[in-house]
Amino acid sequence: MNKLKQTLKDRRVSGEELAERVGMTGAAIRRYIRGEITPTVDLAAKIAAALEIDEGELWGVASPGGNARTVPIYGAAQAGWGADISDISSPIDYQPAPPTVRGAGFGVLVQGESMVPRLHPADTVFVSPGHPIKPGDLVVVQYKGKRGETLAIVKQYRSHNQNEIVLDSLNPAETVTIKRSDMKEMHRVVTINVH
């Protein structure tokens, strides 16, 4: 039995009740309960909050010492521009949340060398939604890929307008633009765990 299913049973919460708490249909939430699909970072946080349980504990990774709050870590193979693009549809790990990470925060494993010297391969960047972003900040931008998948890049924020987000890659120095219509979320990096 998967942890979500067991947690629902232990807390005597029906799938329909959970669906209502997180704003989904019963049919949709049952796919997560059966373990057929893994929730996105936002949905994982909503489900854990609705059940008043730590995300790491719910999704199968216990916190070290049992007391620390954990956050999901995302990362996958490079693709696209070769600019540290990660598929962040499913967490690859859970780690203790740094003090600066609140709410539905998460981490992304850095891949590639496009942000050297600020970031290096295997560093983990953490974001906490709601922090203001200014030029020069490191950001994680989640956007819709060509096949509808959620992708993310870690870059340095430059500017934005009605049509696009303008980011900087450092190695080599180049400009990266993402259409605003493709952007899902953008969050400022609040903590870096250096590998």
N, C-alpha and C. Protein backbone atom coordinates (compact mmCIF):
# COMPACT_ATOMS: atom_id res chain seq x y z
N MET A 1 0.86 -1.18 0.00
CA MET A 1 0.00 0.00 0.00
C MET A 1 0.90 1.23 0.00
N ASN A 2 0.59 2.22 -0.88
CA ASN A 2 1.43 3.42 -0.91
C ASN A 2 1.11 4.32 0.28
N LYS A 3 2.01 5.24 0.55
CA LYS A 3 1.91 6.09 1.73
C LYS A 3 0.67 6.99 1.71
N LEU A 4 0.32 7.53 0.54
CA LEU A 4 -0.88 8.37 0.46
C LEU A 4 -2.12 7.57 0.82
N LYS A 5 -2.24 6.40 0.25
CA LYS A 5 -3.40 5.54 0.53
C LYS A 5 -3.45 5.19 2.02
N GLN A 6 -2.29 4.85 2.59
CA GLN A 6 -2.23 4.50 4.01
C GLN A 6 -2.57 5.70 4.89
N THR A 7 -2.08 6.88 4.53
CA THR A 7 -2.36 8.09 5.30
C THR A 7 -3.86 8.40 5.29
N LEU A 8 -4.49 8.26 4.14
CA LEU A 8 -5.94 8.48 4.06
C LEU A 8 -6.67 7.50 4.98
N LYS A 9 -6.26 6.25 4.93
CA LYS A 9 -6.89 5.22 5.78
C LYS A 9 -6.68 5.55 7.26
N ASP A 10 -5.43 5.87 7.63
CA ASP A 10 -5.12 6.16 9.04
C ASP A 10 -5.88 7.37 9.56
N ARG A 11 -6.10 8.36 8.71
CA ARG A 11 -6.76 9.60 9.12
C ARG A 11 -8.26 9.59 8.85
N ARG A 12 -8.71 8.45 8.31
CA ARG A 12 -10.13 8.27 7.99
C ARG A 12 -10.66 9.39 7.11
N VAL A 13 -9.89 9.66 6.06
CA VAL A 13 -10.25 10.66 5.06
C VAL A 13 -10.51 9.92 3.75
N SER A 14 -11.64 10.17 3.14
CA SER A 14 -11.95 9.51 1.87
C SER A 14 -11.24 10.22 0.72
N GLY A 15 -11.12 9.53 -0.38
CA GLY A 15 -10.55 10.13 -1.58
C GLY A 15 -11.37 11.33 -2.03
N GLU A 16 -12.68 11.22 -1.91
CA GLU A 16 -13.57 12.33 -2.30
C GLU A 16 -13.33 13.55 -1.42
N GLU A 17 -13.13 13.31 -0.11
CA GLU A 17 -12.89 14.42 0.80
C GLU A 17 -11.54 15.09 0.48
N LEU A 18 -10.53 14.28 0.22
CA LEU A 18 -9.22 14.85 -0.14
C LEU A 18 -9.34 15.65 -1.44
N ALA A 19 -10.05 15.09 -2.40
CA ALA A 19 -10.23 15.79 -3.68
C ALA A 19 -10.86 17.16 -3.45
N GLU A 20 -11.86 17.22 -2.59
CA GLU A 20 -12.53 18.48 -2.29
C GLU A 20 -11.56 19.46 -1.62
N ARG A 21 -10.73 18.97 -0.70
CA ARG A 21 -9.79 19.83 0.02
C ARG A 21 -8.75 20.45 -0.91
N VAL A 22 -8.36 19.72 -1.95
CA VAL A 22 -7.31 20.23 -2.84
C VAL A 22 -7.87 20.76 -4.16
N GLY A 23 -9.19 20.77 -4.32
CA GLY A 23 -9.82 21.34 -5.50
C GLY A 23 -9.73 20.49 -6.75
N MET A 24 -9.88 19.18 -6.58
CA MET A 24 -9.83 18.27 -7.72
C MET A 24 -11.10 17.42 -7.75
N THR A 25 -11.26 16.67 -8.83
CA THR A 25 -12.36 15.71 -8.89
C THR A 25 -11.92 14.42 -8.20
N GLY A 26 -12.89 13.64 -7.79
CA GLY A 26 -12.59 12.35 -7.17
C GLY A 26 -11.84 11.44 -8.11
N ALA A 27 -12.22 11.43 -9.39
CA ALA A 27 -11.56 10.56 -10.37
C ALA A 27 -10.09 10.93 -10.52
N ALA A 28 -9.80 12.22 -10.52
CA ALA A 28 -8.41 12.67 -10.68
C ALA A 28 -7.57 12.28 -9.47
N ILE A 29 -8.09 12.51 -8.26
CA ILE A 29 -7.29 12.24 -7.06
C ILE A 29 -7.06 10.73 -6.89
N ARG A 30 -8.00 9.91 -7.36
CA ARG A 30 -7.83 8.45 -7.22
C ARG A 30 -6.60 7.95 -7.97
N ARG A 31 -6.21 8.60 -9.05
CA ARG A 31 -5.00 8.19 -9.78
C ARG A 31 -3.75 8.38 -8.91
N TYR A 32 -3.74 9.44 -8.11
CA TYR A 32 -2.62 9.66 -7.19
C TYR A 32 -2.67 8.65 -6.05
N ILE A 33 -3.87 8.40 -5.54
CA ILE A 33 -4.03 7.45 -4.43
C ILE A 33 -3.58 6.05 -4.86
N ARG A 34 -3.88 5.66 -6.08
CA ARG A 34 -3.47 4.34 -6.58
C ARG A 34 -1.99 4.30 -6.96
N GLY A 35 -1.33 5.45 -6.96
CA GLY A 35 0.09 5.50 -7.30
C GLY A 35 0.36 5.45 -8.79
N GLU A 36 -0.66 5.72 -9.60
CA GLU A 36 -0.49 5.68 -11.06
C GLU A 36 0.34 6.85 -11.57
N ILE A 37 0.21 8.00 -10.91
CA ILE A 37 0.95 9.19 -11.31
C ILE A 37 1.48 9.90 -10.07
N THR A 38 2.51 10.71 -10.26
CA THR A 38 3.13 11.47 -9.17
C THR A 38 2.69 12.92 -9.29
N PRO A 39 2.32 13.54 -8.17
CA PRO A 39 1.85 14.93 -8.24
C PRO A 39 2.96 15.92 -8.55
N THR A 40 2.57 17.06 -9.11
CA THR A 40 3.49 18.16 -9.32
C THR A 40 3.89 18.73 -7.96
N VAL A 41 4.87 19.61 -7.94
CA VAL A 41 5.33 20.21 -6.69
C VAL A 41 4.18 20.92 -5.97
N ASP A 42 3.39 21.67 -6.71
CA ASP A 42 2.29 22.41 -6.08
C ASP A 42 1.23 21.47 -5.52
N LEU A 43 0.88 20.45 -6.30
CA LEU A 43 -0.14 19.52 -5.83
C LEU A 43 0.38 18.68 -4.67
N ALA A 44 1.64 18.27 -4.70
CA ALA A 44 2.22 17.51 -3.58
C ALA A 44 2.12 18.31 -2.29
N ALA A 45 2.42 19.61 -2.39
CA ALA A 45 2.33 20.48 -1.22
C ALA A 45 0.89 20.62 -0.75
N LYS A 46 -0.06 20.79 -1.68
CA LYS A 46 -1.48 20.92 -1.32
C LYS A 46 -2.00 19.66 -0.64
N ILE A 47 -1.65 18.50 -1.18
CA ILE A 47 -2.11 17.23 -0.60
C ILE A 47 -1.55 17.06 0.80
N ALA A 48 -0.24 17.31 0.96
CA ALA A 48 0.38 17.19 2.28
C ALA A 48 -0.25 18.16 3.27
N ALA A 49 -0.47 19.40 2.84
CA ALA A 49 -1.09 20.39 3.73
C ALA A 49 -2.52 19.98 4.10
N ALA A 50 -3.27 19.47 3.13
CA ALA A 50 -4.65 19.06 3.38
C ALA A 50 -4.71 17.92 4.39
N LEU A 51 -3.68 17.09 4.41
CA LEU A 51 -3.63 15.95 5.34
C LEU A 51 -2.81 16.26 6.59
N GLU A 52 -2.30 17.49 6.68
CA GLU A 52 -1.49 17.95 7.81
C GLU A 52 -0.34 16.97 8.09
N ILE A 53 0.44 16.70 7.03
CA ILE A 53 1.57 15.78 7.13
C ILE A 53 2.74 16.37 6.34
N ASP A 54 3.95 16.09 6.79
CA ASP A 54 5.15 16.55 6.10
C ASP A 54 5.20 15.95 4.70
N GLU A 55 5.58 16.76 3.71
CA GLU A 55 5.65 16.27 2.32
C GLU A 55 6.59 15.09 2.18
N GLY A 56 7.77 15.17 2.78
CA GLY A 56 8.73 14.08 2.68
C GLY A 56 8.20 12.80 3.27
N GLU A 57 7.53 12.90 4.39
CA GLU A 57 6.95 11.71 5.02
C GLU A 57 5.84 11.13 4.14
N LEU A 58 4.98 11.99 3.61
CA LEU A 58 3.87 11.52 2.78
C LEU A 58 4.36 10.84 1.50
N TRP A 59 5.37 11.42 0.87
CA TRP A 59 5.81 10.88 -0.41
C TRP A 59 6.95 9.87 -0.28
N GLY A 60 7.19 9.42 0.96
CA GLY A 60 8.05 8.26 1.13
C GLY A 60 9.48 8.51 1.54
N VAL A 61 9.83 9.71 1.96
CA VAL A 61 11.18 9.97 2.43
C VAL A 61 11.08 10.61 3.81
N ALA A 62 11.55 9.91 4.82
CA ALA A 62 11.48 10.42 6.18
C ALA A 62 12.51 11.52 6.39
N SER A 63 12.17 12.47 7.21
CA SER A 63 13.09 13.54 7.54
C SER A 63 14.18 13.01 8.46
N PRO A 64 15.44 13.47 8.30
CA PRO A 64 16.47 13.07 9.24
C PRO A 64 16.09 13.51 10.64
N GLY A 65 16.18 12.62 11.59
CA GLY A 65 15.80 12.94 12.97
C GLY A 65 14.31 12.95 13.19
N GLY A 66 13.52 12.87 12.14
CA GLY A 66 12.07 12.77 12.27
C GLY A 66 11.36 14.09 12.52
N ASN A 67 12.07 15.20 12.76
CA ASN A 67 11.39 16.43 13.14
C ASN A 67 11.46 17.53 12.08
N ALA A 68 12.48 17.53 11.24
CA ALA A 68 12.67 18.62 10.28
C ALA A 68 11.64 18.55 9.15
N ARG A 69 11.18 19.73 8.71
CA ARG A 69 10.29 19.79 7.55
C ARG A 69 11.12 19.52 6.30
N THR A 70 10.59 18.75 5.39
CA THR A 70 11.31 18.45 4.16
C THR A 70 10.62 19.10 2.97
N VAL A 71 11.39 19.27 1.90
CA VAL A 71 10.86 19.82 0.65
C VAL A 71 11.30 18.92 -0.49
N PRO A 72 10.52 18.86 -1.56
CA PRO A 72 10.90 18.03 -2.70
C PRO A 72 12.07 18.64 -3.47
N ILE A 73 12.88 17.76 -4.05
CA ILE A 73 14.00 18.17 -4.89
C ILE A 73 13.72 17.62 -6.28
N TYR A 74 13.85 18.50 -7.28
CA TYR A 74 13.57 18.13 -8.66
C TYR A 74 14.85 18.22 -9.48
N GLY A 75 14.92 17.43 -10.53
CA GLY A 75 16.05 17.48 -11.44
C GLY A 75 16.00 16.28 -12.37
N ALA A 76 16.51 16.43 -13.56
CA ALA A 76 16.50 15.35 -14.54
C ALA A 76 17.54 15.63 -15.61
N ALA A 77 17.51 14.84 -16.68
CA ALA A 77 18.50 14.96 -17.75
C ALA A 77 18.41 16.30 -18.45
N GLN A 78 19.55 16.74 -18.99
CA GLN A 78 19.57 17.96 -19.78
C GLN A 78 18.83 17.74 -21.08
N ALA A 79 18.25 18.79 -21.60
CA ALA A 79 17.50 18.70 -22.85
C ALA A 79 17.45 20.09 -23.48
N GLY A 80 16.75 20.17 -24.59
CA GLY A 80 16.48 21.48 -25.20
C GLY A 80 17.73 22.24 -25.58
N TRP A 81 17.88 23.47 -25.04
CA TRP A 81 18.98 24.35 -25.39
C TRP A 81 20.31 23.87 -24.85
N GLY A 82 20.31 22.82 -24.02
CA GLY A 82 21.53 22.43 -23.34
C GLY A 82 21.83 23.42 -22.23
N ALA A 83 20.80 24.02 -21.69
CA ALA A 83 20.97 25.09 -20.71
C ALA A 83 20.40 24.70 -19.36
N ASP A 84 20.77 23.54 -18.86
CA ASP A 84 20.36 23.08 -17.54
C ASP A 84 18.85 22.96 -17.40
N ILE A 85 18.21 22.41 -18.39
CA ILE A 85 16.76 22.25 -18.37
C ILE A 85 16.42 20.96 -17.65
N SER A 86 15.49 21.03 -16.71
CA SER A 86 15.09 19.86 -15.94
C SER A 86 13.60 19.63 -16.06
N ASP A 87 13.22 18.36 -16.14
CA ASP A 87 11.82 17.97 -16.05
C ASP A 87 11.50 17.93 -14.57
N ILE A 88 10.59 18.77 -14.13
CA ILE A 88 10.30 18.81 -12.70
C ILE A 88 8.90 18.32 -12.39
N SER A 89 8.44 17.35 -13.16
CA SER A 89 7.10 16.83 -12.92
C SER A 89 7.06 15.86 -11.74
N SER A 90 8.19 15.27 -11.36
CA SER A 90 8.24 14.32 -10.25
C SER A 90 9.49 14.56 -9.42
N PRO A 91 9.36 14.56 -8.08
CA PRO A 91 10.54 14.76 -7.25
C PRO A 91 11.50 13.58 -7.35
N ILE A 92 12.80 13.86 -7.24
CA ILE A 92 13.80 12.80 -7.24
C ILE A 92 14.28 12.51 -5.83
N ASP A 93 13.96 13.42 -4.88
CA ASP A 93 14.42 13.26 -3.51
C ASP A 93 13.66 14.24 -2.64
N TYR A 94 13.83 14.10 -1.34
CA TYR A 94 13.35 15.10 -0.37
C TYR A 94 14.52 15.42 0.53
N GLN A 95 14.66 16.68 0.90
CA GLN A 95 15.73 17.10 1.79
C GLN A 95 15.15 18.02 2.85
N PRO A 96 15.84 18.14 3.99
CA PRO A 96 15.38 19.10 5.01
C PRO A 96 15.30 20.49 4.41
N ALA A 97 14.26 21.21 4.77
CA ALA A 97 14.07 22.57 4.24
C ALA A 97 15.02 23.54 4.93
N PRO A 98 15.80 24.30 4.16
CA PRO A 98 16.60 25.36 4.78
C PRO A 98 15.66 26.37 5.45
N PRO A 99 16.12 27.09 6.46
CA PRO A 99 15.25 28.05 7.18
C PRO A 99 14.61 29.10 6.28
N THR A 100 15.25 29.45 5.17
CA THR A 100 14.71 30.49 4.28
C THR A 100 13.58 29.98 3.40
N VAL A 101 13.34 28.67 3.37
CA VAL A 101 12.32 28.08 2.50
C VAL A 101 11.05 27.86 3.30
N ARG A 102 9.99 28.54 2.85
CA ARG A 102 8.70 28.44 3.54
C ARG A 102 7.63 27.91 2.58
N GLY A 103 6.51 27.52 3.15
CA GLY A 103 5.35 27.13 2.34
C GLY A 103 5.65 26.04 1.35
N ALA A 104 5.27 26.28 0.10
CA ALA A 104 5.41 25.28 -0.96
C ALA A 104 6.77 25.37 -1.64
N GLY A 105 7.82 25.67 -0.87
CA GLY A 105 9.15 25.76 -1.44
C GLY A 105 9.64 24.41 -1.93
N PHE A 106 10.67 24.45 -2.77
CA PHE A 106 11.25 23.23 -3.31
C PHE A 106 12.68 23.49 -3.74
N GLY A 107 13.39 22.43 -4.07
CA GLY A 107 14.76 22.55 -4.55
C GLY A 107 14.88 21.99 -5.95
N VAL A 108 15.90 22.46 -6.66
CA VAL A 108 16.20 21.95 -8.00
C VAL A 108 17.70 21.64 -8.04
N LEU A 109 18.01 20.43 -8.46
CA LEU A 109 19.39 20.01 -8.62
C LEU A 109 19.96 20.67 -9.88
N VAL A 110 21.07 21.39 -9.72
CA VAL A 110 21.69 22.08 -10.85
C VAL A 110 22.45 21.07 -11.70
N GLN A 111 22.25 21.15 -13.01
CA GLN A 111 22.94 20.28 -13.95
C GLN A 111 23.58 21.15 -15.02
N GLY A 112 24.73 20.77 -15.49
CA GLY A 112 25.41 21.53 -16.52
C GLY A 112 26.21 22.68 -15.93
N GLU A 113 26.89 23.40 -16.80
CA GLU A 113 27.81 24.43 -16.35
C GLU A 113 27.47 25.83 -16.86
N SER A 114 26.23 26.02 -17.30
CA SER A 114 25.88 27.31 -17.89
C SER A 114 25.80 28.45 -16.88
N MET A 115 25.82 28.15 -15.57
CA MET A 115 25.75 29.22 -14.57
C MET A 115 27.03 29.33 -13.74
N VAL A 116 28.09 28.64 -14.16
CA VAL A 116 29.39 28.79 -13.50
C VAL A 116 29.86 30.22 -13.78
N PRO A 117 30.32 31.01 -12.83
CA PRO A 117 30.82 30.61 -11.53
C PRO A 117 29.81 30.70 -10.38
N ARG A 118 28.58 31.16 -10.62
CA ARG A 118 27.62 31.31 -9.51
C ARG A 118 27.09 29.96 -9.03
N LEU A 119 26.89 29.02 -9.96
CA LEU A 119 26.39 27.70 -9.61
C LEU A 119 27.23 26.66 -10.32
N HIS A 120 27.33 25.48 -9.73
CA HIS A 120 28.10 24.38 -10.31
C HIS A 120 27.24 23.13 -10.37
N PRO A 121 27.59 22.20 -11.24
CA PRO A 121 26.84 20.94 -11.31
C PRO A 121 26.77 20.28 -9.92
N ALA A 122 25.60 19.75 -9.60
CA ALA A 122 25.29 19.06 -8.35
C ALA A 122 24.98 20.00 -7.19
N ASP A 123 25.07 21.33 -7.37
CA ASP A 123 24.55 22.24 -6.35
C ASP A 123 23.02 22.08 -6.33
N THR A 124 22.41 22.39 -5.21
CA THR A 124 20.96 22.39 -5.12
C THR A 124 20.51 23.81 -4.79
N VAL A 125 19.61 24.36 -5.61
CA VAL A 125 19.05 25.68 -5.34
C VAL A 125 17.66 25.49 -4.75
N PHE A 126 17.34 26.32 -3.77
CA PHE A 126 16.04 26.25 -3.12
C PHE A 126 15.29 27.55 -3.36
N VAL A 127 13.99 27.42 -3.63
CA VAL A 127 13.13 28.58 -3.82
C VAL A 127 12.00 28.54 -2.81
N SER A 128 11.48 29.71 -2.53
CA SER A 128 10.34 29.86 -1.63
C SER A 128 9.41 30.87 -2.29
N PRO A 129 8.27 30.43 -2.80
CA PRO A 129 7.36 31.33 -3.51
C PRO A 129 7.04 32.60 -2.72
N GLY A 130 6.95 33.70 -3.43
CA GLY A 130 6.55 34.96 -2.82
C GLY A 130 7.68 35.95 -2.58
N HIS A 131 8.93 35.53 -2.73
CA HIS A 131 10.04 36.46 -2.55
C HIS A 131 10.14 37.38 -3.77
N PRO A 132 10.33 38.69 -3.57
CA PRO A 132 10.44 39.60 -4.71
C PRO A 132 11.69 39.28 -5.54
N ILE A 133 11.61 39.55 -6.84
CA ILE A 133 12.70 39.27 -7.77
C ILE A 133 13.19 40.59 -8.35
N LYS A 134 14.52 40.75 -8.36
CA LYS A 134 15.11 41.95 -8.96
C LYS A 134 16.23 41.54 -9.91
N PRO A 135 16.62 42.42 -10.84
CA PRO A 135 17.69 42.08 -11.78
C PRO A 135 18.94 41.59 -11.05
N GLY A 136 19.53 40.52 -11.59
CA GLY A 136 20.73 39.93 -11.00
C GLY A 136 20.45 38.75 -10.09
N ASP A 137 19.17 38.59 -9.65
CA ASP A 137 18.82 37.45 -8.80
C ASP A 137 18.86 36.16 -9.61
N LEU A 138 19.24 35.07 -8.95
CA LEU A 138 19.09 33.75 -9.55
C LEU A 138 17.63 33.36 -9.41
N VAL A 139 17.07 32.77 -10.48
CA VAL A 139 15.67 32.36 -10.46
C VAL A 139 15.52 30.96 -11.04
N VAL A 140 14.47 30.29 -10.61
CA VAL A 140 14.03 29.04 -11.24
C VAL A 140 12.75 29.39 -11.98
N VAL A 141 12.77 29.19 -13.29
CA VAL A 141 11.60 29.48 -14.12
C VAL A 141 11.00 28.15 -14.58
N GLN A 142 9.75 27.94 -14.24
CA GLN A 142 9.02 26.76 -14.71
C GLN A 142 8.20 27.19 -15.91
N TYR A 143 8.26 26.39 -16.94
CA TYR A 143 7.53 26.74 -18.15
C TYR A 143 7.07 25.47 -18.87
N LYS A 144 6.18 25.68 -19.82
CA LYS A 144 5.58 24.58 -20.58
C LYS A 144 6.50 24.22 -21.74
N GLY A 145 6.89 22.93 -21.81
CA GLY A 145 7.71 22.46 -22.91
C GLY A 145 6.87 22.19 -24.15
N LYS A 146 7.53 21.81 -25.22
CA LYS A 146 6.85 21.57 -26.50
C LYS A 146 5.83 20.44 -26.43
N ARG A 147 6.05 19.47 -25.53
CA ARG A 147 5.12 18.34 -25.39
C ARG A 147 4.15 18.54 -24.22
N GLY A 148 4.13 19.75 -23.66
CA GLY A 148 3.23 20.06 -22.56
C GLY A 148 3.79 19.73 -21.19
N GLU A 149 5.01 19.18 -21.13
CA GLU A 149 5.62 18.84 -19.85
C GLU A 149 6.10 20.11 -19.14
N THR A 150 6.22 20.04 -17.82
CA THR A 150 6.72 21.16 -17.06
C THR A 150 8.24 21.06 -16.99
N LEU A 151 8.92 22.09 -17.50
CA LEU A 151 10.37 22.15 -17.48
C LEU A 151 10.80 23.32 -16.60
N ALA A 152 12.07 23.31 -16.22
CA ALA A 152 12.58 24.41 -15.42
C ALA A 152 14.02 24.70 -15.79
N ILE A 153 14.38 25.97 -15.71
CA ILE A 153 15.77 26.36 -15.88
C ILE A 153 16.15 27.27 -14.72
N VAL A 154 17.42 27.22 -14.37
CA VAL A 154 17.97 28.08 -13.33
C VAL A 154 18.88 29.08 -14.05
N LYS A 155 18.52 30.36 -13.97
CA LYS A 155 19.25 31.41 -14.67
C LYS A 155 19.28 32.67 -13.82
N GLN A 156 19.94 33.68 -14.32
CA GLN A 156 19.98 34.98 -13.66
C GLN A 156 18.93 35.88 -14.31
N TYR A 157 18.06 36.45 -13.48
CA TYR A 157 16.98 37.30 -13.98
C TYR A 157 17.53 38.64 -14.46
N ARG A 158 17.05 39.07 -15.64
CA ARG A 158 17.42 40.39 -16.17
C ARG A 158 16.21 41.32 -16.17
N SER A 159 15.12 40.91 -16.87
CA SER A 159 13.95 41.78 -16.99
C SER A 159 12.77 40.97 -17.55
N HIS A 160 11.65 41.66 -17.65
CA HIS A 160 10.48 41.07 -18.31
C HIS A 160 9.63 42.19 -18.88
N ASN A 161 8.80 41.79 -19.84
CA ASN A 161 7.80 42.71 -20.38
C ASN A 161 6.52 41.91 -20.58
N GLN A 162 5.56 42.47 -21.28
CA GLN A 162 4.29 41.77 -21.47
C GLN A 162 4.44 40.46 -22.23
N ASN A 163 5.46 40.33 -23.05
CA ASN A 163 5.58 39.17 -23.94
C ASN A 163 6.59 38.13 -23.52
N GLU A 164 7.63 38.54 -22.77
CA GLU A 164 8.69 37.59 -22.49
C GLU A 164 9.43 37.89 -21.19
N ILE A 165 10.10 36.84 -20.70
CA ILE A 165 11.01 36.93 -19.56
C ILE A 165 12.41 36.88 -20.15
N VAL A 166 13.29 37.78 -19.72
CA VAL A 166 14.66 37.81 -20.22
C VAL A 166 15.60 37.39 -19.09
N LEU A 167 16.40 36.36 -19.38
CA LEU A 167 17.31 35.78 -18.40
C LEU A 167 18.72 35.77 -18.96
N ASP A 168 19.69 35.62 -18.07
CA ASP A 168 21.08 35.52 -18.51
C ASP A 168 21.66 34.17 -18.12
N SER A 169 22.36 33.59 -19.07
CA SER A 169 23.19 32.42 -18.84
C SER A 169 24.61 32.96 -18.75
N LEU A 170 25.46 32.39 -17.89
CA LEU A 170 26.78 32.97 -17.65
C LEU A 170 27.92 32.28 -18.40
N ASN A 171 27.74 31.02 -18.76
CA ASN A 171 28.85 30.25 -19.32
C ASN A 171 28.38 29.37 -20.46
N PRO A 172 28.39 29.83 -21.70
CA PRO A 172 28.87 31.14 -22.14
C PRO A 172 27.84 32.22 -21.84
N ALA A 173 28.29 33.46 -21.85
CA ALA A 173 27.40 34.59 -21.60
C ALA A 173 26.43 34.72 -22.77
N GLU A 174 25.14 34.52 -22.49
CA GLU A 174 24.12 34.67 -23.53
C GLU A 174 22.78 34.97 -22.89
N THR A 175 21.89 35.50 -23.70
CA THR A 175 20.55 35.84 -23.26
C THR A 175 19.60 34.69 -23.58
N VAL A 176 18.73 34.40 -22.62
CA VAL A 176 17.71 33.36 -22.79
C VAL A 176 16.36 34.05 -22.61
N THR A 177 15.45 33.85 -23.55
CA THR A 177 14.12 34.43 -23.42
C THR A 177 13.08 33.32 -23.40
N ILE A 178 12.05 33.54 -22.60
CA ILE A 178 10.92 32.60 -22.50
C ILE A 178 9.65 33.41 -22.69
N LYS A 179 8.78 32.94 -23.56
CA LYS A 179 7.50 33.62 -23.77
C LYS A 179 6.70 33.59 -22.47
N ARG A 180 6.09 34.70 -22.13
CA ARG A 180 5.26 34.75 -20.91
C ARG A 180 4.10 33.78 -21.00
N SER A 181 3.60 33.56 -22.22
CA SER A 181 2.48 32.63 -22.38
C SER A 181 2.90 31.19 -22.06
N ASP A 182 4.19 30.87 -22.14
CA ASP A 182 4.69 29.53 -21.80
C ASP A 182 5.11 29.41 -20.34
N MET A 183 5.34 30.56 -19.68
CA MET A 183 5.82 30.53 -18.30
C MET A 183 4.71 30.12 -17.34
N LYS A 184 5.03 29.21 -16.45
CA LYS A 184 4.09 28.79 -15.41
C LYS A 184 4.38 29.53 -14.11
N GLU A 185 5.65 29.51 -13.68
CA GLU A 185 6.03 30.17 -12.43
C GLU A 185 7.48 30.63 -12.53
N MET A 186 7.81 31.64 -11.74
CA MET A 186 9.19 32.07 -11.60
C MET A 186 9.41 32.40 -10.14
N HIS A 187 10.46 31.83 -9.55
CA HIS A 187 10.75 32.05 -8.14
C HIS A 187 12.21 32.38 -7.95
N ARG A 188 12.47 33.27 -7.00
CA ARG A 188 13.85 33.65 -6.67
C ARG A 188 14.52 32.55 -5.86
N VAL A 189 15.76 32.28 -6.17
CA VAL A 189 16.55 31.33 -5.38
C VAL A 189 16.87 32.02 -4.05
N VAL A 190 16.55 31.34 -2.93
CA VAL A 190 16.78 31.92 -1.61
C VAL A 190 17.94 31.25 -0.88
N THR A 191 18.30 30.04 -1.30
CA THR A 191 19.40 29.31 -0.66
C THR A 191 20.06 28.42 -1.69
N ILE A 192 21.39 28.27 -1.59
CA ILE A 192 22.14 27.35 -2.45
C ILE A 192 22.91 26.40 -1.56
N ASN A 193 22.70 25.09 -1.76
CA ASN A 193 23.53 24.09 -1.09
C ASN A 193 24.61 23.70 -2.09
N VAL A 194 25.84 24.05 -1.77
CA VAL A 194 26.97 23.78 -2.65
C VAL A 194 27.40 22.33 -2.49
N HIS A 195 27.59 21.69 -3.62
CA HIS A 195 28.01 20.28 -3.60
C HIS A 195 29.50 20.17 -3.34
